[in-house]
Amino acid sequence: MSEQQERPATHTPPGPEVLADVSLEPVVVAGEPAREPLPEPIPETAAEPTAGQPTAVEPTGPVPGAFRPGDRVQLTDPKGRLHTVVLEPGKAFHTHRGAISHDDLIGAPEGSVVHSTANTGYLALRPLLADFVLSMPRGAQVIYPKDAAQIVGFGDIGPGMRVLEAGAGSGALSCSLLRAVGERGTLVSYERRADFADVARGNVEAFFGTAPANWSLRVGDLDQHPADEVVDRVVLDMLEPWAVLPTVAAALRPGGVLVGYVATVTQLSSYMEALRAQGVWTEPYAWESLLRPWHAVGLAVRPEHRMVAHTAFLVTARRLAEGTVAPVRQRRKKAG
């Protein structure tokens, strides 16, 4: 055998495959199902964070409760002064400490601090009902939040109730009553003056965003209210509430609560005696509330120099069943 025949043939290994030349289409062989292409490689992920290292959280959407166009925002400056704005894209609110862009507020969470062009910080919050009432446009004098809260509380006004109100004034109490009765309840408000009714309607729409479907604002006297529209609660804010007591007694169901709001001592006396004389009410209960804030900073704890004192008297009474005569209230006899 020759040397050439004895030397084994040299084997050259094939070179690396070029992926660009390899077809990624499924290969079909007769009698076999098509083979799917290989899945894309999974990219490497970052190593798990070690203990004590913060984990980055990707944003998942808008901040819950963030300010939106059309929202009413209350801005508080460093001295505690309040400014209310309605957000509009592209607009700015101008103060003596520079301008504040509405776009800086839109999308920001409630409770944020926004800075003016003069770098003054303003705390941004949605106004509470009490804040809204104290800054709303006024026709008639508004019922203050301290009295509105007691009307709702002592009048036991809650969800689903039918409430009758006279007069509507500037709509401050209407807002509290509508919130108390909820969507299942109803509120009928009477106002004698058309100009006051317009103010009340505007304020209620501004607070709720639109006129609530369960609110009926009627321009006229309460004595026009039909007796067959029975209600659970009645609130009277009038100069002469005793004049409409027959209408109220006809519309208020037995056990229902009547709340009166009168400003002067002479009104209080006349109203209380009229309730007793009519004979269809429980013994009326009258009171007033005085609101005195306190200053409490460190060891300096004392009453504030100013307070919300007398605003009005409140009177409550409940409707007796038809034909019922309440027991005579026993009063202590004077000595001698």
C-alpha atoms as a PDB file:
ATOM      1  CA  MET A   1       0.000   0.000   0.000  1.00  0.00           C
ATOM      2  CA  SER A   2       1.355   3.385  -0.821  1.00  0.00           C
ATOM      3  CA  GLU A   3       1.988   6.082   1.730  1.00  0.00           C
ATOM      4  CA  GLN A   4      -0.849   8.071   0.277  1.00  0.00           C
ATOM      5  CA  GLN A   5      -3.220   5.215   0.824  1.00  0.00           C
ATOM      6  CA  GLU A   6      -2.056   4.607   4.453  1.00  0.00           C
ATOM      7  CA  ARG A   7      -2.405   8.310   5.567  1.00  0.00           C
ATOM      8  CA  PRO A   8      -5.889   8.932   6.930  1.00  0.00           C
ATOM      9  CA  ALA A   9      -7.947  11.576   5.216  1.00  0.00           C
ATOM     10  CA  THR A  10      -7.875  14.953   6.887  1.00  0.00           C
ATOM     11  CA  HIS A  11     -11.371  16.035   8.222  1.00  0.00           C
ATOM     12  CA  THR A  12     -12.035  19.754   8.179  1.00  0.00           C
ATOM     13  CA  PRO A  13     -14.845  20.805  10.641  1.00  0.00           C
ATOM     14  CA  PRO A  14     -17.548  22.942   9.142  1.00  0.00           C
ATOM     15  CA  GLY A  15     -17.469  26.692   9.857  1.00  0.00           C
ATOM     16  CA  PRO A  16     -20.065  28.459  12.024  1.00  0.00           C
ATOM     17  CA  GLU A  17     -23.535  28.842  10.549  1.00  0.00           C
ATOM     18  CA  VAL A  18     -24.656  32.295   9.547  1.00  0.00           C
ATOM     19  CA  LEU A  19     -28.075  32.864  11.098  1.00  0.00           C
ATOM     20  CA  ALA A  20     -28.924  35.486   8.535  1.00  0.00           C
ATOM     21  CA  ASP A  21     -28.941  32.769   5.878  1.00  0.00           C
ATOM     22  CA  VAL A  22     -31.151  30.405   7.875  1.00  0.00           C
ATOM     23  CA  SER A  23     -34.852  30.607   7.109  1.00  0.00           C
ATOM     24  CA  LEU A  24     -37.067  31.070  10.162  1.00  0.00           C
ATOM     25  CA  GLU A  25     -40.205  29.971   8.333  1.00  0.00           C
ATOM     26  CA  PRO A  26     -41.862  26.761   9.561  1.00  0.00           C
ATOM     27  CA  VAL A  27     -40.506  23.661   7.860  1.00  0.00           C
ATOM     28  CA  VAL A  28     -43.178  21.401   6.382  1.00  0.00           C
ATOM     29  CA  VAL A  29     -42.340  17.735   5.726  1.00  0.00           C
ATOM     30  CA  ALA A  30     -44.822  15.459   4.016  1.00  0.00           C
ATOM     31  CA  GLY A  31     -46.707  13.445   6.609  1.00  0.00           C
ATOM     32  CA  GLU A  32     -45.552  15.582   9.565  1.00  0.00           C
ATOM     33  CA  PRO A  33     -47.128  18.644  11.174  1.00  0.00           C
ATOM     34  CA  ALA A  34     -45.491  21.984  10.636  1.00  0.00           C
ATOM     35  CA  ARG A  35     -42.818  22.863  13.154  1.00  0.00           C
ATOM     36  CA  GLU A  36     -43.148  26.271  14.754  1.00  0.00           C
ATOM     37  CA  PRO A  37     -40.093  28.533  14.753  1.00  0.00           C
ATOM     38  CA  LEU A  38     -38.067  28.731  17.930  1.00  0.00           C
ATOM     39  CA  PRO A  39     -39.304  31.343  20.395  1.00  0.00           C
ATOM     40  CA  GLU A  40     -37.489  34.623  20.693  1.00  0.00           C
ATOM     41  CA  PRO A  41     -34.811  34.569  23.387  1.00  0.00           C
ATOM     42  CA  ILE A  42     -35.875  36.059  26.703  1.00  0.00           C
ATOM     43  CA  PRO A  43     -33.825  39.146  27.514  1.00  0.00           C
ATOM     44  CA  GLU A  44     -31.756  39.040  30.613  1.00  0.00           C
ATOM     45  CA  THR A  45     -33.334  40.761  33.621  1.00  0.00           C
ATOM     46  CA  ALA A  46     -31.622  42.814  36.208  1.00  0.00           C
ATOM     47  CA  ALA A  47     -30.470  41.027  39.293  1.00  0.00           C
ATOM     48  CA  GLU A  48     -32.848  40.929  42.218  1.00  0.00           C
ATOM     49  CA  PRO A  49     -32.290  43.849  44.605  1.00  0.00           C
ATOM     50  CA  THR A  50     -30.471  43.009  47.761  1.00  0.00           C
ATOM     51  CA  ALA A  51     -31.930  43.659  51.155  1.00  0.00           C
ATOM     52  CA  GLY A  52     -32.170  47.340  51.967  1.00  0.00           C
ATOM     53  CA  GLN A  53     -32.116  48.517  48.364  1.00  0.00           C
ATOM     54  CA  PRO A  54     -35.235  50.352  47.113  1.00  0.00           C
ATOM     55  CA  THR A  55     -37.201  48.738  44.326  1.00  0.00           C
ATOM     56  CA  ALA A  56     -38.139  50.989  41.430  1.00  0.00           C
ATOM     57  CA  VAL A  57     -41.904  51.062  40.799  1.00  0.00           C
ATOM     58  CA  GLU A  58     -43.069  51.933  37.334  1.00  0.00           C
ATOM     59  CA  PRO A  59     -46.051  54.322  37.185  1.00  0.00           C
ATOM     60  CA  THR A  60     -49.255  52.478  36.307  1.00  0.00           C
ATOM     61  CA  GLY A  61     -51.503  55.423  35.495  1.00  0.00           C
ATOM     62  CA  PRO A  62     -52.777  58.772  36.764  1.00  0.00           C
ATOM     63  CA  VAL A  63     -52.641  59.490  40.476  1.00  0.00           C
ATOM     64  CA  PRO A  64     -55.993  58.643  42.147  1.00  0.00           C
ATOM     65  CA  GLY A  65     -57.875  61.827  42.958  1.00  0.00           C
ATOM     66  CA  ALA A  66     -55.572  64.018  40.872  1.00  0.00           C
ATOM     67  CA  PHE A  67     -56.802  67.435  39.833  1.00  0.00           C
ATOM     68  CA  ARG A  68     -58.592  67.550  36.478  1.00  0.00           C
ATOM     69  CA  PRO A  69     -59.732  70.385  34.199  1.00  0.00           C
ATOM     70  CA  GLY A  70     -62.908  71.935  35.604  1.00  0.00           C
ATOM     71  CA  ASP A  71     -62.036  71.086  39.209  1.00  0.00           C
ATOM     72  CA  ARG A  72     -62.418  73.762  41.864  1.00  0.00           C
ATOM     73  CA  VAL A  73     -59.122  74.111  43.766  1.00  0.00           C
ATOM     74  CA  GLN A  74     -58.449  76.012  46.968  1.00  0.00           C
ATOM     75  CA  LEU A  75     -54.963  77.519  47.220  1.00  0.00           C
ATOM     76  CA  THR A  76     -53.598  78.505  50.643  1.00  0.00           C
ATOM     77  CA  ASP A  77     -50.705  80.946  50.788  1.00  0.00           C
ATOM     78  CA  PRO A  78     -48.044  81.039  53.548  1.00  0.00           C
ATOM     79  CA  LYS A  79     -50.171  83.477  55.593  1.00  0.00           C
ATOM     80  CA  GLY A  80     -53.218  81.213  55.494  1.00  0.00           C
ATOM     81  CA  ARG A  81     -55.172  83.276  52.961  1.00  0.00           C
ATOM     82  CA  LEU A  82     -57.446  81.256  50.684  1.00  0.00           C
ATOM     83  CA  HIS A  83     -57.831  81.582  46.925  1.00  0.00           C
ATOM     84  CA  THR A  84     -60.264  79.490  44.868  1.00  0.00           C
ATOM     85  CA  VAL A  85     -59.699  78.769  41.177  1.00  0.00           C
ATOM     86  CA  VAL A  86     -61.409  76.597  38.565  1.00  0.00           C
ATOM     87  CA  LEU A  87     -58.800  74.753  36.511  1.00  0.00           C
ATOM     88  CA  GLU A  88     -58.563  75.403  32.767  1.00  0.00           C
ATOM     89  CA  PRO A  89     -55.677  74.157  30.600  1.00  0.00           C
ATOM     90  CA  GLY A  90     -53.368  76.959  29.535  1.00  0.00           C
ATOM     91  CA  LYS A  91     -54.718  79.453  32.078  1.00  0.00           C
ATOM     92  CA  ALA A  92     -52.895  81.089  34.980  1.00  0.00           C
ATOM     93  CA  PHE A  93     -53.972  82.452  38.360  1.00  0.00           C
ATOM     94  CA  HIS A  94     -52.305  85.766  39.180  1.00  0.00           C
ATOM     95  CA  THR A  95     -51.489  86.770  42.746  1.00  0.00           C
ATOM     96  CA  HIS A  96     -49.414  89.549  44.283  1.00  0.00           C
ATOM     97  CA  ARG A  97     -46.716  86.878  44.693  1.00  0.00           C
ATOM     98  CA  GLY A  98     -46.584  85.843  41.046  1.00  0.00           C
ATOM     99  CA  ALA A  99     -48.648  83.710  38.698  1.00  0.00           C
ATOM    100  CA  ILE A 100     -49.590  80.053  39.128  1.00  0.00           C
ATOM    101  CA  SER A 101     -50.080  77.981  35.993  1.00  0.00           C
ATOM    102  CA  HIS A 102     -53.196  75.806  35.947  1.00  0.00           C
ATOM    103  CA  ASP A 103     -51.177  73.217  34.008  1.00  0.00           C
ATOM    104  CA  ASP A 104     -48.932  72.783  37.066  1.00  0.00           C
ATOM    105  CA  LEU A 105     -52.010  71.713  39.040  1.00  0.00           C
ATOM    106  CA  ILE A 106     -53.742  69.522  36.452  1.00  0.00           C
ATOM    107  CA  GLY A 107     -52.630  65.947  37.067  1.00  0.00           C
ATOM    108  CA  ALA A 108     -51.092  66.733  40.461  1.00  0.00           C
ATOM    109  CA  PRO A 109     -52.433  64.888  43.522  1.00  0.00           C
ATOM    110  CA  GLU A 110     -54.586  66.698  46.054  1.00  0.00           C
ATOM    111  CA  GLY A 111     -52.493  68.016  48.914  1.00  0.00           C
ATOM    112  CA  SER A 112     -49.629  69.124  46.635  1.00  0.00           C
ATOM    113  CA  VAL A 113     -47.678  72.366  46.871  1.00  0.00           C
ATOM    114  CA  VAL A 114     -47.452  74.447  43.703  1.00  0.00           C
ATOM    115  CA  HIS A 115     -45.079  77.401  43.312  1.00  0.00           C
ATOM    116  CA  SER A 116     -45.773  80.743  41.732  1.00  0.00           C
ATOM    117  CA  THR A 117     -43.400  82.487  39.351  1.00  0.00           C
ATOM    118  CA  ALA A 118     -41.996  84.295  42.411  1.00  0.00           C
ATOM    119  CA  ASN A 119     -41.277  80.877  44.013  1.00  0.00           C
ATOM    120  CA  THR A 120     -43.985  81.216  46.677  1.00  0.00           C
ATOM    121  CA  GLY A 121     -45.493  77.881  47.685  1.00  0.00           C
ATOM    122  CA  TYR A 122     -49.283  77.409  47.738  1.00  0.00           C
ATOM    123  CA  LEU A 123     -50.996  74.359  49.224  1.00  0.00           C
ATOM    124  CA  ALA A 124     -53.601  72.957  46.806  1.00  0.00           C
ATOM    125  CA  LEU A 125     -56.702  71.138  48.076  1.00  0.00           C
ATOM    126  CA  ARG A 126     -60.287  70.725  46.942  1.00  0.00           C
ATOM    127  CA  PRO A 127     -62.481  73.042  49.066  1.00  0.00           C
ATOM    128  CA  LEU A 128     -64.671  71.484  51.727  1.00  0.00           C
ATOM    129  CA  LEU A 129     -68.371  72.333  51.791  1.00  0.00           C
ATOM    130  CA  ALA A 130     -67.739  74.726  54.701  1.00  0.00           C
ATOM    131  CA  ASP A 131     -65.037  76.509  52.679  1.00  0.00           C
ATOM    132  CA  PHE A 132     -67.315  76.713  49.656  1.00  0.00           C
ATOM    133  CA  VAL A 133     -70.203  78.185  51.675  1.00  0.00           C
ATOM    134  CA  LEU A 134     -68.084  80.931  53.232  1.00  0.00           C
ATOM    135  CA  SER A 135     -66.748  82.022  49.819  1.00  0.00           C
ATOM    136  CA  MET A 136     -69.864  81.549  47.641  1.00  0.00           C
ATOM    137  CA  PRO A 137     -71.619  84.471  45.912  1.00  0.00           C
ATOM    138  CA  ARG A 138     -74.479  85.679  48.090  1.00  0.00           C
ATOM    139  CA  GLY A 139     -77.962  86.936  47.512  1.00  0.00           C
ATOM    140  CA  ALA A 140     -79.444  86.458  50.962  1.00  0.00           C
ATOM    141  CA  GLN A 141     -77.345  85.841  54.068  1.00  0.00           C
ATOM    142  CA  VAL A 142     -76.066  82.252  54.157  1.00  0.00           C
ATOM    143  CA  ILE A 143     -76.685  79.761  56.959  1.00  0.00           C
ATOM    144  CA  TYR A 144     -73.261  79.255  58.515  1.00  0.00           C
ATOM    145  CA  PRO A 145     -71.692  75.774  58.546  1.00  0.00           C
ATOM    146  CA  LYS A 146     -71.999  75.544  62.334  1.00  0.00           C
ATOM    147  CA  ASP A 147     -75.781  75.956  62.082  1.00  0.00           C
ATOM    148  CA  ALA A 148     -76.168  73.832  58.945  1.00  0.00           C
ATOM    149  CA  ALA A 149     -74.425  70.954  60.705  1.00  0.00           C
ATOM    150  CA  GLN A 150     -76.811  71.187  63.660  1.00  0.00           C
ATOM    151  CA  ILE A 151     -79.845  71.410  61.373  1.00  0.00           C
ATOM    152  CA  VAL A 152     -78.782  68.173  59.684  1.00  0.00           C
ATOM    153  CA  GLY A 153     -77.864  66.549  63.007  1.00  0.00           C
ATOM    154  CA  PHE A 154     -80.715  67.621  65.295  1.00  0.00           C
ATOM    155  CA  GLY A 155     -83.178  67.398  62.419  1.00  0.00           C
ATOM    156  CA  ASP A 156     -82.063  63.791  61.914  1.00  0.00           C
ATOM    157  CA  ILE A 157     -81.861  64.296  58.150  1.00  0.00           C
ATOM    158  CA  GLY A 158     -80.441  61.260  56.378  1.00  0.00           C
ATOM    159  CA  PRO A 159     -80.304  59.270  53.121  1.00  0.00           C
ATOM    160  CA  GLY A 160     -83.572  58.658  51.308  1.00  0.00           C
ATOM    161  CA  MET A 161     -85.612  61.291  53.168  1.00  0.00           C
ATOM    162  CA  ARG A 162     -88.022  63.778  51.603  1.00  0.00           C
ATOM    163  CA  VAL A 163     -87.133  67.279  52.797  1.00  0.00           C
ATOM    164  CA  LEU A 164     -88.984  70.575  52.376  1.00  0.00           C
ATOM    165  CA  GLU A 165     -87.051  73.854  52.700  1.00  0.00           C
ATOM    166  CA  ALA A 166     -88.098  77.526  52.768  1.00  0.00           C
ATOM    167  CA  GLY A 167     -86.430  79.791  51.809  1.00  0.00           C
ATOM    168  CA  ALA A 168     -83.528  78.780  49.692  1.00  0.00           C
ATOM    169  CA  GLY A 169     -81.581  82.029  50.133  1.00  0.00           C
ATOM    170  CA  SER A 170     -78.147  81.626  48.563  1.00  0.00           C
ATOM    171  CA  GLY A 171     -78.281  77.820  48.464  1.00  0.00           C
ATOM    172  CA  ALA A 172     -75.836  77.176  51.320  1.00  0.00           C
ATOM    173  CA  LEU A 173     -78.203  74.998  53.351  1.00  0.00           C
ATOM    174  CA  SER A 174     -79.522  73.371  50.161  1.00  0.00           C
ATOM    175  CA  CYS A 175     -76.039  71.947  49.528  1.00  0.00           C
ATOM    176  CA  SER A 176     -75.929  70.401  53.012  1.00  0.00           C
ATOM    177  CA  LEU A 177     -79.461  69.000  52.711  1.00  0.00           C
ATOM    178  CA  LEU A 178     -78.822  67.498  49.269  1.00  0.00           C
ATOM    179  CA  ARG A 179     -75.661  65.820  50.485  1.00  0.00           C
ATOM    180  CA  ALA A 180     -77.494  64.473  53.550  1.00  0.00           C
ATOM    181  CA  VAL A 181     -80.469  62.944  51.692  1.00  0.00           C
ATOM    182  CA  GLY A 182     -78.275  61.390  48.992  1.00  0.00           C
ATOM    183  CA  GLU A 183     -79.419  60.283  45.558  1.00  0.00           C
ATOM    184  CA  ARG A 184     -82.392  58.334  46.947  1.00  0.00           C
ATOM    185  CA  GLY A 185     -83.828  61.329  48.818  1.00  0.00           C
ATOM    186  CA  THR A 186     -85.461  64.507  47.543  1.00  0.00           C
ATOM    187  CA  LEU A 187     -85.314  68.198  48.392  1.00  0.00           C
ATOM    188  CA  VAL A 188     -87.968  70.774  47.535  1.00  0.00           C
ATOM    189  CA  SER A 189     -86.820  74.369  48.115  1.00  0.00           C
ATOM    190  CA  TYR A 190     -89.101  77.416  48.034  1.00  0.00           C
ATOM    191  CA  GLU A 191     -87.769  80.931  47.494  1.00  0.00           C
ATOM    192  CA  ARG A 192     -89.999  84.002  47.169  1.00  0.00           C
ATOM    193  CA  ARG A 193     -87.478  86.166  45.280  1.00  0.00           C
ATOM    194  CA  ALA A 194     -86.472  85.146  41.775  1.00  0.00           C
ATOM    195  CA  ASP A 195     -83.074  86.869  42.045  1.00  0.00           C
ATOM    196  CA  PHE A 196     -82.227  84.913  45.206  1.00  0.00           C
ATOM    197  CA  ALA A 197     -83.391  81.714  43.497  1.00  0.00           C
ATOM    198  CA  ASP A 198     -80.990  82.376  40.622  1.00  0.00           C
ATOM    199  CA  VAL A 199     -78.091  82.798  43.062  1.00  0.00           C
ATOM    200  CA  ALA A 200     -79.065  79.620  44.914  1.00  0.00           C
ATOM    201  CA  ARG A 201     -79.282  77.640  41.672  1.00  0.00           C
ATOM    202  CA  GLY A 202     -75.879  78.885  40.539  1.00  0.00           C
ATOM    203  CA  ASN A 203     -74.205  77.998  43.841  1.00  0.00           C
ATOM    204  CA  VAL A 204     -75.706  74.514  44.025  1.00  0.00           C
ATOM    205  CA  GLU A 205     -74.707  73.803  40.418  1.00  0.00           C
ATOM    206  CA  ALA A 206     -71.193  75.094  41.102  1.00  0.00           C
ATOM    207  CA  PHE A 207     -70.772  72.810  44.115  1.00  0.00           C
ATOM    208  CA  PHE A 208     -72.219  69.614  42.596  1.00  0.00           C
ATOM    209  CA  GLY A 209     -71.118  70.277  39.024  1.00  0.00           C
ATOM    210  CA  THR A 210     -74.735  70.299  37.819  1.00  0.00           C
ATOM    211  CA  ALA A 211     -78.225  70.753  39.268  1.00  0.00           C
ATOM    212  CA  PRO A 212     -79.031  67.520  41.152  1.00  0.00           C
ATOM    213  CA  ALA A 213     -81.919  65.586  39.607  1.00  0.00           C
ATOM    214  CA  ASN A 214     -83.539  65.112  43.021  1.00  0.00           C
ATOM    215  CA  TRP A 215     -83.722  68.867  43.752  1.00  0.00           C
ATOM    216  CA  SER A 216     -86.736  71.022  42.927  1.00  0.00           C
ATOM    217  CA  LEU A 217     -86.304  74.798  43.316  1.00  0.00           C
ATOM    218  CA  ARG A 218     -89.648  76.605  43.223  1.00  0.00           C
ATOM    219  CA  VAL A 219     -90.085  80.377  43.098  1.00  0.00           C
ATOM    220  CA  GLY A 220     -93.045  81.246  45.290  1.00  0.00           C
ATOM    221  CA  ASP A 221     -94.463  81.017  48.811  1.00  0.00           C
ATOM    222  CA  LEU A 222     -94.383  77.858  50.886  1.00  0.00           C
ATOM    223  CA  ASP A 223     -98.122  78.084  51.466  1.00  0.00           C
ATOM    224  CA  GLN A 224     -98.504  76.966  47.825  1.00  0.00           C
ATOM    225  CA  HIS A 225     -97.086  73.540  48.683  1.00  0.00           C
ATOM    226  CA  PRO A 226     -99.704  70.825  48.083  1.00  0.00           C
ATOM    227  CA  ALA A 227    -100.659  68.761  51.127  1.00  0.00           C
ATOM    228  CA  ASP A 228    -100.456  65.509  49.161  1.00  0.00           C
ATOM    229  CA  GLU A 229     -96.684  65.969  48.697  1.00  0.00           C
ATOM    230  CA  VAL A 230     -95.867  64.430  52.072  1.00  0.00           C
ATOM    231  CA  VAL A 231     -92.371  64.992  53.477  1.00  0.00           C
ATOM    232  CA  ASP A 232     -90.270  63.626  56.329  1.00  0.00           C
ATOM    233  CA  ARG A 233     -88.515  66.834  57.395  1.00  0.00           C
ATOM    234  CA  VAL A 234     -89.155  70.585  57.076  1.00  0.00           C
ATOM    235  CA  VAL A 235     -86.628  73.402  57.525  1.00  0.00           C
ATOM    236  CA  LEU A 236     -87.885  76.997  57.797  1.00  0.00           C
ATOM    237  CA  ASP A 237     -85.576  79.992  57.325  1.00  0.00           C
ATOM    238  CA  MET A 238     -88.124  82.826  57.108  1.00  0.00           C
ATOM    239  CA  LEU A 239     -88.984  86.152  58.695  1.00  0.00           C
ATOM    240  CA  GLU A 240     -92.391  84.860  59.877  1.00  0.00           C
ATOM    241  CA  PRO A 241     -92.244  81.053  60.058  1.00  0.00           C
ATOM    242  CA  TRP A 242     -95.403  80.936  62.188  1.00  0.00           C
ATOM    243  CA  ALA A 243     -97.443  82.131  59.182  1.00  0.00           C
ATOM    244  CA  VAL A 244     -96.877  78.855  57.266  1.00  0.00           C
ATOM    245  CA  LEU A 245     -97.382  76.393  60.139  1.00  0.00           C
ATOM    246  CA  PRO A 246    -100.795  75.173  58.837  1.00  0.00           C
ATOM    247  CA  THR A 247     -99.207  74.276  55.469  1.00  0.00           C
ATOM    248  CA  VAL A 248     -96.267  72.604  57.176  1.00  0.00           C
ATOM    249  CA  ALA A 249     -98.517  70.581  59.502  1.00  0.00           C
ATOM    250  CA  ALA A 250    -100.545  69.334  56.518  1.00  0.00           C
ATOM    251  CA  ALA A 251     -97.476  68.166  54.588  1.00  0.00           C
ATOM    252  CA  LEU A 252     -95.258  66.762  57.365  1.00  0.00           C
ATOM    253  CA  ARG A 253     -95.870  63.127  58.250  1.00  0.00           C
ATOM    254  CA  PRO A 254     -96.545  62.135  61.886  1.00  0.00           C
ATOM    255  CA  GLY A 255     -93.253  61.852  63.736  1.00  0.00           C
ATOM    256  CA  GLY A 256     -91.517  64.119  61.226  1.00  0.00           C
ATOM    257  CA  VAL A 257     -89.167  66.835  62.450  1.00  0.00           C
ATOM    258  CA  LEU A 258     -89.645  70.569  61.934  1.00  0.00           C
ATOM    259  CA  VAL A 259     -86.538  72.766  62.257  1.00  0.00           C
ATOM    260  CA  GLY A 260     -86.883  76.545  62.500  1.00  0.00           C
ATOM    261  CA  TYR A 261     -84.103  79.102  62.025  1.00  0.00           C
ATOM    262  CA  VAL A 262     -84.853  82.578  63.418  1.00  0.00           C
ATOM    263  CA  ALA A 263     -82.453  85.441  64.046  1.00  0.00           C
ATOM    264  CA  THR A 264     -83.981  87.606  66.802  1.00  0.00           C
ATOM    265  CA  VAL A 265     -85.389  87.092  70.271  1.00  0.00           C
ATOM    266  CA  THR A 266     -88.791  88.496  69.280  1.00  0.00           C
ATOM    267  CA  GLN A 267     -88.998  86.041  66.367  1.00  0.00           C
ATOM    268  CA  LEU A 268     -88.071  83.216  68.701  1.00  0.00           C
ATOM    269  CA  SER A 269     -90.815  84.132  71.181  1.00  0.00           C
ATOM    270  CA  SER A 270     -93.520  84.474  68.523  1.00  0.00           C
ATOM    271  CA  TYR A 271     -92.543  81.215  66.831  1.00  0.00           C
ATOM    272  CA  MET A 272     -92.415  79.159  70.036  1.00  0.00           C
ATOM    273  CA  GLU A 273     -95.843  80.375  71.161  1.00  0.00           C
ATOM    274  CA  ALA A 274     -97.352  79.718  67.720  1.00  0.00           C
ATOM    275  CA  LEU A 275     -96.090  76.117  67.802  1.00  0.00           C
ATOM    276  CA  ARG A 276     -97.653  75.568  71.231  1.00  0.00           C
ATOM    277  CA  ALA A 277    -100.929  77.209  70.227  1.00  0.00           C
ATOM    278  CA  GLN A 278    -101.359  75.049  67.132  1.00  0.00           C
ATOM    279  CA  GLY A 279    -101.534  71.929  69.285  1.00  0.00           C
ATOM    280  CA  VAL A 280    -100.082  69.453  66.752  1.00  0.00           C
ATOM    281  CA  TRP A 281     -96.444  69.609  67.838  1.00  0.00           C
ATOM    282  CA  THR A 282     -94.333  68.245  70.638  1.00  0.00           C
ATOM    283  CA  GLU A 283     -92.929  70.804  73.064  1.00  0.00           C
ATOM    284  CA  PRO A 284     -90.492  72.912  70.974  1.00  0.00           C
ATOM    285  CA  TYR A 285     -86.826  72.970  71.909  1.00  0.00           C
ATOM    286  CA  ALA A 286     -84.735  76.111  71.283  1.00  0.00           C
ATOM    287  CA  TRP A 287     -80.991  76.757  71.441  1.00  0.00           C
ATOM    288  CA  GLU A 288     -78.089  78.628  69.849  1.00  0.00           C
ATOM    289  CA  SER A 289     -74.489  77.623  69.156  1.00  0.00           C
ATOM    290  CA  LEU A 290     -71.357  79.686  69.636  1.00  0.00           C
ATOM    291  CA  LEU A 291     -68.155  78.664  67.869  1.00  0.00           C
ATOM    292  CA  ARG A 292     -64.915  79.690  69.582  1.00  0.00           C
ATOM    293  CA  PRO A 293     -61.645  78.560  67.955  1.00  0.00           C
ATOM    294  CA  TRP A 294     -58.513  78.044  70.034  1.00  0.00           C
ATOM    295  CA  HIS A 295     -54.915  79.045  69.427  1.00  0.00           C
ATOM    296  CA  ALA A 296     -52.614  76.143  70.389  1.00  0.00           C
ATOM    297  CA  VAL A 297     -48.914  76.504  69.523  1.00  0.00           C
ATOM    298  CA  GLY A 298     -46.451  75.021  71.962  1.00  0.00           C
ATOM    299  CA  LEU A 299     -47.238  76.373  75.439  1.00  0.00           C
ATOM    300  CA  ALA A 300     -49.291  79.263  74.023  1.00  0.00           C
ATOM    301  CA  VAL A 301     -52.742  77.739  74.416  1.00  0.00           C
ATOM    302  CA  ARG A 302     -55.651  80.187  74.659  1.00  0.00           C
ATOM    303  CA  PRO A 303     -58.938  81.084  72.960  1.00  0.00           C
ATOM    304  CA  GLU A 304     -58.664  82.961  69.690  1.00  0.00           C
ATOM    305  CA  HIS A 305     -59.390  86.691  69.834  1.00  0.00           C
ATOM    306  CA  ARG A 306     -62.288  86.325  67.383  1.00  0.00           C
ATOM    307  CA  MET A 307     -65.176  83.863  67.417  1.00  0.00           C
ATOM    308  CA  VAL A 308     -68.384  83.127  65.533  1.00  0.00           C
ATOM    309  CA  ALA A 309     -70.955  84.040  68.152  1.00  0.00           C
ATOM    310  CA  HIS A 310     -74.714  84.435  67.726  1.00  0.00           C
ATOM    311  CA  THR A 311     -75.989  83.850  64.215  1.00  0.00           C
ATOM    312  CA  ALA A 312     -79.519  82.563  64.874  1.00  0.00           C
ATOM    313  CA  PHE A 313     -81.723  80.504  67.169  1.00  0.00           C
ATOM    314  CA  LEU A 314     -82.627  76.962  66.182  1.00  0.00           C
ATOM    315  CA  VAL A 315     -85.966  75.411  67.174  1.00  0.00           C
ATOM    316  CA  THR A 316     -87.029  71.794  66.723  1.00  0.00           C
ATOM    317  CA  ALA A 317     -90.432  70.151  67.197  1.00  0.00           C
ATOM    318  CA  ARG A 318     -92.033  66.897  65.990  1.00  0.00           C
ATOM    319  CA  ARG A 319     -95.404  66.369  64.346  1.00  0.00           C
ATOM    320  CA  LEU A 320     -98.003  64.568  66.445  1.00  0.00           C
ATOM    321  CA  ALA A 321    -100.392  62.006  64.987  1.00  0.00           C
ATOM    322  CA  GLU A 322    -103.690  63.460  63.768  1.00  0.00           C
ATOM    323  CA  GLY A 323    -106.120  63.993  66.647  1.00  0.00           C
ATOM    324  CA  THR A 324    -103.468  63.437  69.325  1.00  0.00           C
ATOM    325  CA  VAL A 325    -103.219  65.835  72.246  1.00  0.00           C
ATOM    326  CA  ALA A 326     -99.799  65.915  73.859  1.00  0.00           C
ATOM    327  CA  PRO A 327     -99.625  65.748  77.662  1.00  0.00           C
ATOM    328  CA  VAL A 328     -99.353  69.166  79.253  1.00  0.00           C
ATOM    329  CA  ARG A 329     -95.754  69.944  80.073  1.00  0.00           C
ATOM    330  CA  GLN A 330     -95.372  70.374  83.833  1.00  0.00           C
ATOM    331  CA  ARG A 331     -93.406  73.413  84.820  1.00  0.00           C
ATOM    332  CA  ARG A 332     -92.064  74.312  88.232  1.00  0.00           C
ATOM    333  CA  LYS A 333     -94.297  76.750  90.046  1.00  0.00           C
ATOM    334  CA  LYS A 334     -92.823  79.947  91.390  1.00  0.00           C
ATOM    335  CA  ALA A 335     -92.468  80.044  95.148  1.00  0.00           C
ATOM    336  CA  GLY A 336     -94.836  82.404  96.958  1.00  0.00           C
END
